[in-house]
């Protein structure tokens, strides 16, 4: 029993072993993105920050050789992501030409928090810092080695030097 619990904790401290599905309900293998920066963003279609999709797409297009952006639709803040997976996908493609990876809709906080966001927000797992997701479009940057670099609140634009300085 203890060995099994230890193994689960060990797997949780490796971001590349966290299981998550795409918006199309297909398993995403995060280890495919080792040696790239990962920028995780909880997104919503009906938020004042929704226009950041455009900058996220521009950032991804500019740095896709060493960056993968992973958007995670979330309906926990003001019910600003009420749509189905199909609605979300259509909205992102039609309005912003989103080509970066989108996950299934998930919880980023609370008792049903997805393990990805548990890792991103718990220092005991990410070895960097603890945080809480305050609103839609909060960003978490993970290094090519799989360590948490930092997190950025919604007001930090994707093109901010706080983020881009790491990608050069």
N, C-alpha and C. Protein backbone atom coordinates (compact mmCIF):
# COMPACT_ATOMS: atom_id res chain seq x y z
N UNK A 1 0.83 -1.19 0.00
CA UNK A 1 0.00 0.00 0.00
C UNK A 1 0.87 1.25 0.00
N UNK A 2 1.83 1.35 0.92
CA UNK A 2 2.67 2.54 0.98
C UNK A 2 3.43 2.73 -0.32
N UNK A 3 3.95 1.65 -0.88
CA UNK A 3 4.70 1.74 -2.12
C UNK A 3 3.83 2.29 -3.24
N UNK A 4 2.58 1.87 -3.29
CA UNK A 4 1.64 2.35 -4.30
C UNK A 4 1.39 3.85 -4.11
N UNK A 5 1.17 4.29 -2.87
CA UNK A 5 0.96 5.72 -2.61
C UNK A 5 2.19 6.53 -2.96
N UNK A 6 3.38 5.99 -2.65
CA UNK A 6 4.62 6.67 -2.99
C UNK A 6 4.75 6.81 -4.49
N UNK A 7 4.41 5.76 -5.22
CA UNK A 7 4.49 5.79 -6.68
C UNK A 7 3.54 6.84 -7.25
N UNK A 8 2.31 6.93 -6.71
CA UNK A 8 1.36 7.93 -7.18
C UNK A 8 1.88 9.34 -6.92
N UNK A 9 2.48 9.58 -5.75
CA UNK A 9 3.05 10.88 -5.43
C UNK A 9 4.21 11.18 -6.36
N UNK A 10 5.05 10.18 -6.61
CA UNK A 10 6.19 10.37 -7.51
C UNK A 10 5.70 10.74 -8.91
N UNK A 11 4.66 10.05 -9.39
CA UNK A 11 4.10 10.38 -10.70
C UNK A 11 3.53 11.79 -10.72
N UNK A 12 2.94 12.22 -9.62
CA UNK A 12 2.37 13.57 -9.55
C UNK A 12 3.44 14.64 -9.58
N UNK A 13 4.65 14.35 -9.15
CA UNK A 13 5.69 15.37 -9.16
C UNK A 13 6.33 15.50 -10.54
N UNK A 14 5.98 14.63 -11.47
CA UNK A 14 6.46 14.70 -12.85
C UNK A 14 5.30 15.16 -13.72
N UNK A 15 5.36 16.39 -14.17
CA UNK A 15 4.24 16.95 -14.94
C UNK A 15 3.95 16.14 -16.19
N UNK A 16 4.97 15.50 -16.74
CA UNK A 16 4.79 14.76 -17.99
C UNK A 16 3.99 13.47 -17.81
N UNK A 17 3.74 13.06 -16.57
CA UNK A 17 2.97 11.84 -16.32
C UNK A 17 1.51 12.12 -15.96
N UNK A 18 1.13 13.39 -15.91
CA UNK A 18 -0.25 13.74 -15.58
C UNK A 18 -1.14 13.44 -16.79
N UNK A 19 -2.24 12.78 -16.53
CA UNK A 19 -3.18 12.41 -17.60
C UNK A 19 -4.21 13.50 -17.80
N UNK A 20 -4.39 13.86 -19.06
CA UNK A 20 -5.38 14.87 -19.42
C UNK A 20 -5.82 14.61 -20.85
N UNK A 21 -7.05 14.98 -21.16
CA UNK A 21 -7.58 14.78 -22.51
C UNK A 21 -7.70 16.09 -23.26
N UNK A 22 -7.69 15.99 -24.57
CA UNK A 22 -7.87 17.15 -25.43
C UNK A 22 -9.35 17.54 -25.46
N UNK A 23 -9.63 18.64 -26.08
CA UNK A 23 -11.01 19.10 -26.26
C UNK A 23 -11.82 18.09 -27.08
N UNK A 24 -11.11 17.31 -27.91
CA UNK A 24 -11.76 16.27 -28.71
C UNK A 24 -11.80 14.93 -27.97
N UNK A 25 -11.49 14.95 -26.67
CA UNK A 25 -11.53 13.78 -25.80
C UNK A 25 -10.51 12.70 -26.16
N UNK A 26 -9.34 13.13 -26.66
CA UNK A 26 -8.24 12.21 -26.94
C UNK A 26 -7.15 12.46 -25.91
N UNK A 27 -6.49 11.39 -25.47
CA UNK A 27 -5.44 11.52 -24.46
C UNK A 27 -4.30 12.40 -24.99
N UNK A 28 -3.84 13.31 -24.15
CA UNK A 28 -2.68 14.15 -24.45
C UNK A 28 -1.49 13.56 -23.71
N UNK A 29 -0.41 13.32 -24.43
CA UNK A 29 0.83 12.84 -23.83
C UNK A 29 1.75 14.04 -23.64
N UNK A 30 1.75 14.59 -22.42
CA UNK A 30 2.56 15.79 -22.17
C UNK A 30 4.04 15.56 -22.41
N UNK A 31 4.49 14.30 -22.32
CA UNK A 31 5.93 14.02 -22.54
C UNK A 31 6.35 14.32 -23.97
N UNK A 32 5.38 14.43 -24.90
CA UNK A 32 5.71 14.82 -26.28
C UNK A 32 6.28 16.24 -26.33
N UNK A 33 6.08 16.99 -25.26
CA UNK A 33 6.50 18.39 -25.24
C UNK A 33 7.72 18.63 -24.35
N UNK A 34 8.38 17.53 -23.94
CA UNK A 34 9.64 17.70 -23.21
C UNK A 34 10.58 18.49 -24.11
N UNK A 35 11.42 19.28 -23.50
CA UNK A 35 12.37 20.15 -24.21
C UNK A 35 11.71 21.36 -24.86
N UNK A 36 10.46 21.63 -24.51
CA UNK A 36 9.78 22.85 -24.93
C UNK A 36 9.21 23.51 -23.68
N UNK A 37 9.06 24.82 -23.74
CA UNK A 37 8.30 25.50 -22.70
C UNK A 37 6.83 25.14 -22.87
N UNK A 38 6.13 25.04 -21.76
CA UNK A 38 4.69 24.82 -21.77
C UNK A 38 4.04 26.01 -21.08
N UNK A 39 3.08 26.63 -21.73
CA UNK A 39 2.34 27.73 -21.13
C UNK A 39 0.90 27.25 -20.98
N UNK A 40 0.51 27.00 -19.73
CA UNK A 40 -0.85 26.55 -19.43
C UNK A 40 -1.70 27.78 -19.10
N UNK A 41 -2.88 27.85 -19.70
CA UNK A 41 -3.78 28.99 -19.51
C UNK A 41 -5.20 28.46 -19.34
N UNK A 42 -5.86 28.83 -18.25
CA UNK A 42 -7.28 28.49 -18.12
C UNK A 42 -8.06 29.55 -18.88
N UNK A 43 -8.84 29.11 -19.84
CA UNK A 43 -9.48 30.01 -20.79
C UNK A 43 -11.01 29.98 -20.67
N UNK A 44 -11.63 31.04 -21.21
CA UNK A 44 -13.10 31.14 -21.22
C UNK A 44 -13.53 32.01 -22.39
N UNK A 45 -14.61 31.64 -23.00
CA UNK A 45 -15.09 32.33 -24.21
C UNK A 45 -15.84 33.62 -23.95
N UNK A 46 -16.35 33.81 -22.73
CA UNK A 46 -17.19 34.97 -22.45
C UNK A 46 -16.59 35.84 -21.34
N UNK A 47 -15.29 36.03 -21.40
CA UNK A 47 -14.55 36.75 -20.37
C UNK A 47 -14.00 38.05 -20.93
N UNK A 48 -13.79 39.03 -20.08
CA UNK A 48 -13.17 40.27 -20.51
C UNK A 48 -11.75 40.08 -21.04
N UNK A 49 -11.11 38.96 -20.69
CA UNK A 49 -9.76 38.67 -21.16
C UNK A 49 -9.75 37.75 -22.38
N UNK A 50 -10.91 37.41 -22.91
CA UNK A 50 -11.00 36.46 -24.03
C UNK A 50 -10.18 36.92 -25.23
N UNK A 51 -10.03 38.22 -25.40
CA UNK A 51 -9.22 38.71 -26.54
C UNK A 51 -7.77 38.26 -26.45
N UNK A 52 -7.34 37.76 -25.27
CA UNK A 52 -5.97 37.25 -25.15
C UNK A 52 -5.75 36.01 -26.01
N UNK A 53 -6.81 35.36 -26.45
CA UNK A 53 -6.65 34.25 -27.39
C UNK A 53 -5.81 34.68 -28.59
N UNK A 54 -6.04 35.90 -29.08
CA UNK A 54 -5.31 36.42 -30.24
C UNK A 54 -3.82 36.49 -29.94
N UNK A 55 -3.46 37.06 -28.79
CA UNK A 55 -2.04 37.16 -28.42
C UNK A 55 -1.44 35.80 -28.13
N UNK A 56 -2.23 34.90 -27.54
CA UNK A 56 -1.72 33.54 -27.30
C UNK A 56 -1.40 32.86 -28.62
N UNK A 57 -2.27 33.01 -29.61
CA UNK A 57 -2.02 32.41 -30.93
C UNK A 57 -0.79 33.04 -31.58
N UNK A 58 -0.64 34.36 -31.46
CA UNK A 58 0.54 35.04 -32.02
C UNK A 58 1.82 34.56 -31.33
N UNK A 59 1.77 34.43 -30.00
CA UNK A 59 2.94 33.94 -29.25
C UNK A 59 3.29 32.52 -29.68
N UNK A 60 2.28 31.68 -29.81
CA UNK A 60 2.51 30.30 -30.23
C UNK A 60 3.11 30.25 -31.64
N UNK A 61 2.54 31.01 -32.56
CA UNK A 61 3.04 31.03 -33.94
C UNK A 61 4.50 31.48 -33.98
N UNK A 62 4.84 32.47 -33.17
CA UNK A 62 6.19 33.02 -33.17
C UNK A 62 7.21 32.08 -32.53
N UNK A 63 6.79 31.28 -31.55
CA UNK A 63 7.74 30.48 -30.76
C UNK A 63 7.44 28.98 -30.79
N UNK A 64 6.68 28.49 -31.75
CA UNK A 64 6.22 27.10 -31.69
C UNK A 64 7.35 26.08 -31.72
N UNK A 65 8.54 26.47 -32.16
CA UNK A 65 9.67 25.52 -32.15
C UNK A 65 10.13 25.20 -30.72
N UNK A 66 9.86 26.10 -29.78
CA UNK A 66 10.27 25.83 -28.39
C UNK A 66 9.17 26.13 -27.36
N UNK A 67 7.91 26.19 -27.83
CA UNK A 67 6.80 26.50 -26.94
C UNK A 67 5.54 25.75 -27.36
N UNK A 68 4.82 25.20 -26.39
CA UNK A 68 3.47 24.69 -26.63
C UNK A 68 2.56 25.41 -25.64
N UNK A 69 1.54 26.03 -26.18
CA UNK A 69 0.52 26.65 -25.33
C UNK A 69 -0.60 25.64 -25.18
N UNK A 70 -1.06 25.48 -23.96
CA UNK A 70 -2.14 24.54 -23.69
C UNK A 70 -3.25 25.30 -22.96
N UNK A 71 -4.34 25.52 -23.68
CA UNK A 71 -5.50 26.20 -23.12
C UNK A 71 -6.44 25.19 -22.49
N UNK A 72 -6.92 25.51 -21.30
CA UNK A 72 -7.85 24.63 -20.59
C UNK A 72 -9.14 25.38 -20.30
N UNK A 73 -10.19 25.10 -21.06
CA UNK A 73 -11.46 25.76 -20.80
C UNK A 73 -11.94 25.47 -19.37
N UNK A 74 -12.45 26.50 -18.73
CA UNK A 74 -12.89 26.39 -17.34
C UNK A 74 -14.12 27.26 -17.14
N UNK A 75 -15.11 26.72 -16.46
CA UNK A 75 -16.36 27.44 -16.23
C UNK A 75 -16.53 27.84 -14.77
N UNK A 76 -15.42 27.92 -14.03
CA UNK A 76 -15.49 28.19 -12.59
C UNK A 76 -15.52 29.67 -12.21
N UNK A 77 -15.28 30.54 -13.15
CA UNK A 77 -15.22 31.97 -12.84
C UNK A 77 -16.33 32.69 -13.60
N UNK A 78 -17.40 33.03 -12.90
CA UNK A 78 -18.50 33.75 -13.52
C UNK A 78 -19.24 32.97 -14.58
N UNK A 79 -19.11 31.65 -14.58
CA UNK A 79 -19.76 30.80 -15.60
C UNK A 79 -19.50 31.33 -17.01
N UNK A 80 -18.24 31.70 -17.27
CA UNK A 80 -17.88 32.33 -18.53
C UNK A 80 -17.43 31.35 -19.62
N UNK A 81 -17.55 30.04 -19.34
CA UNK A 81 -17.27 29.03 -20.36
C UNK A 81 -18.36 27.97 -20.31
N UNK A 82 -19.60 28.35 -20.67
CA UNK A 82 -20.73 27.43 -20.52
C UNK A 82 -20.88 26.42 -21.65
N UNK A 83 -20.21 26.63 -22.78
CA UNK A 83 -20.45 25.82 -23.97
C UNK A 83 -19.92 24.40 -23.91
N UNK A 84 -20.33 23.62 -24.88
CA UNK A 84 -19.84 22.25 -25.06
C UNK A 84 -18.45 22.29 -25.68
N UNK A 85 -17.80 21.14 -25.74
CA UNK A 85 -16.49 21.05 -26.37
C UNK A 85 -16.56 21.54 -27.82
N UNK A 86 -17.61 21.16 -28.52
CA UNK A 86 -17.78 21.57 -29.92
C UNK A 86 -17.96 23.09 -30.03
N UNK A 87 -18.74 23.66 -29.12
CA UNK A 87 -18.95 25.12 -29.11
C UNK A 87 -17.63 25.85 -28.88
N UNK A 88 -16.86 25.36 -27.91
CA UNK A 88 -15.59 25.99 -27.55
C UNK A 88 -14.62 25.92 -28.73
N UNK A 89 -14.51 24.74 -29.33
CA UNK A 89 -13.59 24.56 -30.45
C UNK A 89 -13.96 25.49 -31.61
N UNK A 90 -15.24 25.54 -31.95
CA UNK A 90 -15.68 26.41 -33.05
C UNK A 90 -15.41 27.87 -32.73
N UNK A 91 -15.71 28.30 -31.51
CA UNK A 91 -15.49 29.68 -31.10
C UNK A 91 -14.02 30.07 -31.25
N UNK A 92 -13.13 29.21 -30.77
CA UNK A 92 -11.69 29.50 -30.80
C UNK A 92 -11.14 29.55 -32.22
N UNK A 93 -11.57 28.64 -33.06
CA UNK A 93 -11.08 28.60 -34.44
C UNK A 93 -11.64 29.75 -35.27
N UNK A 94 -12.94 29.97 -35.18
CA UNK A 94 -13.58 30.99 -36.00
C UNK A 94 -13.14 32.39 -35.59
N UNK A 95 -13.10 32.67 -34.29
CA UNK A 95 -12.82 34.03 -33.82
C UNK A 95 -11.34 34.36 -33.67
N UNK A 96 -10.50 33.35 -33.41
CA UNK A 96 -9.10 33.64 -33.12
C UNK A 96 -8.11 32.75 -33.87
N UNK A 97 -8.59 31.82 -34.67
CA UNK A 97 -7.70 30.94 -35.42
C UNK A 97 -6.80 30.10 -34.54
N UNK A 98 -7.28 29.73 -33.38
CA UNK A 98 -6.47 29.00 -32.42
C UNK A 98 -5.96 27.68 -33.01
N UNK A 99 -4.65 27.50 -32.98
CA UNK A 99 -4.05 26.26 -33.46
C UNK A 99 -3.26 25.55 -32.36
N UNK A 100 -3.11 26.20 -31.21
CA UNK A 100 -2.42 25.54 -30.10
C UNK A 100 -3.35 24.53 -29.45
N UNK A 101 -2.81 23.76 -28.56
CA UNK A 101 -3.54 22.65 -27.93
C UNK A 101 -4.58 23.13 -26.94
N UNK A 102 -5.75 22.53 -27.00
CA UNK A 102 -6.82 22.83 -26.05
C UNK A 102 -7.21 21.53 -25.35
N UNK A 103 -7.36 21.60 -24.03
CA UNK A 103 -7.75 20.43 -23.26
C UNK A 103 -9.27 20.39 -23.10
N UNK A 104 -9.70 19.30 -22.51
CA UNK A 104 -11.09 19.17 -22.10
C UNK A 104 -11.40 20.29 -21.09
N UNK A 105 -12.67 20.58 -20.92
CA UNK A 105 -13.08 21.54 -19.89
C UNK A 105 -12.76 20.93 -18.54
N UNK A 106 -12.18 21.72 -17.64
CA UNK A 106 -11.79 21.17 -16.35
C UNK A 106 -11.87 22.20 -15.24
N UNK A 107 -11.80 21.71 -14.01
CA UNK A 107 -11.77 22.56 -12.82
C UNK A 107 -10.33 22.87 -12.48
N UNK A 108 -10.05 24.15 -12.22
CA UNK A 108 -8.69 24.58 -11.90
C UNK A 108 -8.52 24.88 -10.41
N UNK A 109 -9.61 24.74 -9.65
CA UNK A 109 -9.57 24.96 -8.21
C UNK A 109 -10.67 24.14 -7.56
N UNK A 110 -10.63 24.06 -6.24
CA UNK A 110 -11.70 23.40 -5.50
C UNK A 110 -11.52 21.90 -5.36
N UNK A 111 -12.56 21.25 -4.86
CA UNK A 111 -12.49 19.83 -4.54
C UNK A 111 -12.37 18.94 -5.76
N UNK A 112 -12.74 19.44 -6.94
CA UNK A 112 -12.63 18.65 -8.17
C UNK A 112 -11.50 19.15 -9.08
N UNK A 113 -10.54 19.84 -8.47
CA UNK A 113 -9.40 20.39 -9.23
C UNK A 113 -8.71 19.28 -10.00
N UNK A 114 -8.44 19.53 -11.27
CA UNK A 114 -7.75 18.56 -12.11
C UNK A 114 -6.31 18.39 -11.60
N UNK A 115 -5.75 17.18 -11.65
CA UNK A 115 -4.38 16.96 -11.19
C UNK A 115 -3.34 17.88 -11.83
N UNK A 116 -3.57 18.29 -13.08
CA UNK A 116 -2.64 19.24 -13.71
C UNK A 116 -2.57 20.53 -12.90
N UNK A 117 -3.73 21.05 -12.52
CA UNK A 117 -3.75 22.30 -11.77
C UNK A 117 -3.35 22.10 -10.31
N UNK A 118 -3.50 20.90 -9.80
CA UNK A 118 -2.95 20.61 -8.47
C UNK A 118 -1.43 20.74 -8.54
N UNK A 119 -0.83 20.17 -9.58
CA UNK A 119 0.62 20.25 -9.77
C UNK A 119 1.05 21.71 -9.94
N UNK A 120 0.35 22.44 -10.79
CA UNK A 120 0.73 23.83 -11.08
C UNK A 120 0.63 24.73 -9.85
N UNK A 121 -0.28 24.41 -8.92
CA UNK A 121 -0.53 25.31 -7.79
C UNK A 121 0.05 24.85 -6.45
N UNK A 122 0.66 23.67 -6.39
CA UNK A 122 1.18 23.14 -5.12
C UNK A 122 2.70 23.04 -5.14
N UNK A 123 3.36 23.82 -4.30
CA UNK A 123 4.82 23.80 -4.22
C UNK A 123 5.34 22.40 -3.89
N UNK A 124 4.61 21.65 -3.09
CA UNK A 124 5.05 20.30 -2.72
C UNK A 124 5.15 19.39 -3.94
N UNK A 125 4.49 19.74 -5.01
CA UNK A 125 4.55 18.95 -6.24
C UNK A 125 5.44 19.57 -7.31
N UNK A 126 5.38 20.90 -7.46
CA UNK A 126 6.13 21.56 -8.53
C UNK A 126 7.50 22.08 -8.10
N UNK A 127 7.81 21.98 -6.81
CA UNK A 127 9.11 22.39 -6.26
C UNK A 127 9.46 23.86 -6.47
N UNK A 128 8.48 24.70 -6.79
CA UNK A 128 8.79 26.11 -7.02
C UNK A 128 7.97 27.03 -6.12
N UNK A 129 6.64 26.99 -6.28
CA UNK A 129 5.80 27.88 -5.48
C UNK A 129 4.36 27.42 -5.50
N UNK A 130 3.65 27.84 -4.47
CA UNK A 130 2.21 27.59 -4.39
C UNK A 130 1.46 28.83 -4.86
N UNK A 131 0.29 28.60 -5.40
CA UNK A 131 -0.55 29.70 -5.88
C UNK A 131 -1.99 29.22 -5.88
N UNK A 132 -2.88 30.13 -6.21
CA UNK A 132 -4.26 29.75 -6.46
C UNK A 132 -4.69 30.46 -7.74
N UNK A 133 -5.54 29.82 -8.49
CA UNK A 133 -6.02 30.42 -9.73
C UNK A 133 -7.11 31.42 -9.35
N UNK A 134 -6.88 32.68 -9.71
CA UNK A 134 -7.78 33.77 -9.30
C UNK A 134 -8.87 34.08 -10.32
N UNK A 135 -8.59 33.85 -11.63
CA UNK A 135 -9.57 34.20 -12.65
C UNK A 135 -9.17 33.53 -13.96
N UNK A 136 -10.01 33.67 -14.97
CA UNK A 136 -9.71 33.16 -16.30
C UNK A 136 -8.45 33.81 -16.86
N UNK A 137 -7.75 33.08 -17.68
CA UNK A 137 -6.54 33.52 -18.37
C UNK A 137 -5.35 33.74 -17.44
N UNK A 138 -5.34 33.04 -16.29
CA UNK A 138 -4.12 32.99 -15.48
C UNK A 138 -3.18 32.02 -16.19
N UNK A 139 -1.90 32.34 -16.19
CA UNK A 139 -0.92 31.59 -16.97
C UNK A 139 0.14 30.96 -16.08
N UNK A 140 0.56 29.74 -16.46
CA UNK A 140 1.63 29.02 -15.76
C UNK A 140 2.66 28.58 -16.80
N UNK A 141 3.91 28.99 -16.59
CA UNK A 141 4.98 28.64 -17.52
C UNK A 141 5.84 27.54 -16.92
N UNK A 142 6.01 26.46 -17.68
CA UNK A 142 6.82 25.31 -17.27
C UNK A 142 8.03 25.25 -18.19
N UNK A 143 9.19 25.00 -17.61
CA UNK A 143 10.44 24.98 -18.36
C UNK A 143 10.56 23.73 -19.24
N UNK A 144 11.49 23.74 -20.19
CA UNK A 144 11.70 22.55 -21.03
C UNK A 144 12.14 21.32 -20.22
N UNK A 145 12.61 21.54 -19.01
CA UNK A 145 13.02 20.44 -18.14
C UNK A 145 11.86 19.95 -17.27
N UNK A 146 10.71 20.59 -17.35
CA UNK A 146 9.54 20.16 -16.61
C UNK A 146 9.37 20.80 -15.24
N UNK A 147 10.03 21.92 -15.00
CA UNK A 147 9.88 22.63 -13.74
C UNK A 147 9.04 23.89 -13.90
N UNK A 148 8.29 24.23 -12.86
CA UNK A 148 7.51 25.46 -12.91
C UNK A 148 8.44 26.67 -12.90
N UNK A 149 8.30 27.53 -13.89
CA UNK A 149 9.09 28.77 -13.95
C UNK A 149 8.41 29.84 -13.12
N UNK A 150 7.12 30.10 -13.41
CA UNK A 150 6.37 31.13 -12.69
C UNK A 150 4.92 31.08 -13.15
N UNK A 151 4.10 31.88 -12.47
CA UNK A 151 2.71 32.04 -12.90
C UNK A 151 2.43 33.52 -13.03
N UNK A 152 1.41 33.83 -13.83
CA UNK A 152 1.11 35.22 -14.18
C UNK A 152 -0.40 35.39 -14.12
N UNK A 153 -0.84 36.44 -13.46
CA UNK A 153 -2.26 36.71 -13.35
C UNK A 153 -2.84 37.12 -14.70
N UNK A 154 -4.15 37.15 -14.78
CA UNK A 154 -4.88 37.42 -16.02
C UNK A 154 -4.46 38.72 -16.68
N UNK A 155 -4.11 39.74 -15.90
CA UNK A 155 -3.76 41.04 -16.47
C UNK A 155 -2.43 41.00 -17.22
N UNK A 156 -1.62 39.97 -17.00
CA UNK A 156 -0.35 39.84 -17.73
C UNK A 156 -0.65 39.33 -19.13
N UNK A 157 -0.33 40.15 -20.11
CA UNK A 157 -0.60 39.78 -21.50
C UNK A 157 0.37 38.67 -21.93
N UNK A 158 -0.06 37.81 -22.83
CA UNK A 158 0.83 36.75 -23.32
C UNK A 158 2.13 37.29 -23.92
N UNK A 159 2.09 38.50 -24.47
CA UNK A 159 3.28 39.10 -25.09
C UNK A 159 4.17 39.82 -24.08
N UNK A 160 3.82 39.77 -22.81
CA UNK A 160 4.60 40.45 -21.78
C UNK A 160 6.02 39.92 -21.72
N UNK A 161 6.97 40.80 -21.48
CA UNK A 161 8.37 40.37 -21.36
C UNK A 161 8.57 39.45 -20.17
N UNK A 162 7.64 39.48 -19.20
CA UNK A 162 7.72 38.56 -18.07
C UNK A 162 7.69 37.11 -18.58
N UNK A 163 6.96 36.89 -19.66
CA UNK A 163 6.86 35.56 -20.26
C UNK A 163 7.88 35.38 -21.38
N UNK A 164 7.92 36.33 -22.30
CA UNK A 164 8.74 36.16 -23.52
C UNK A 164 10.24 36.13 -23.23
N UNK A 165 10.69 36.72 -22.14
CA UNK A 165 12.13 36.70 -21.84
C UNK A 165 12.65 35.26 -21.69
N UNK A 166 11.78 34.35 -21.32
CA UNK A 166 12.18 32.95 -21.14
C UNK A 166 12.26 32.20 -22.48
N UNK A 167 11.60 32.70 -23.49
CA UNK A 167 11.46 31.98 -24.75
C UNK A 167 12.55 32.30 -25.76
N UNK A 168 13.37 33.26 -25.47
CA UNK A 168 14.41 33.72 -26.40
C UNK A 168 15.60 32.80 -26.35
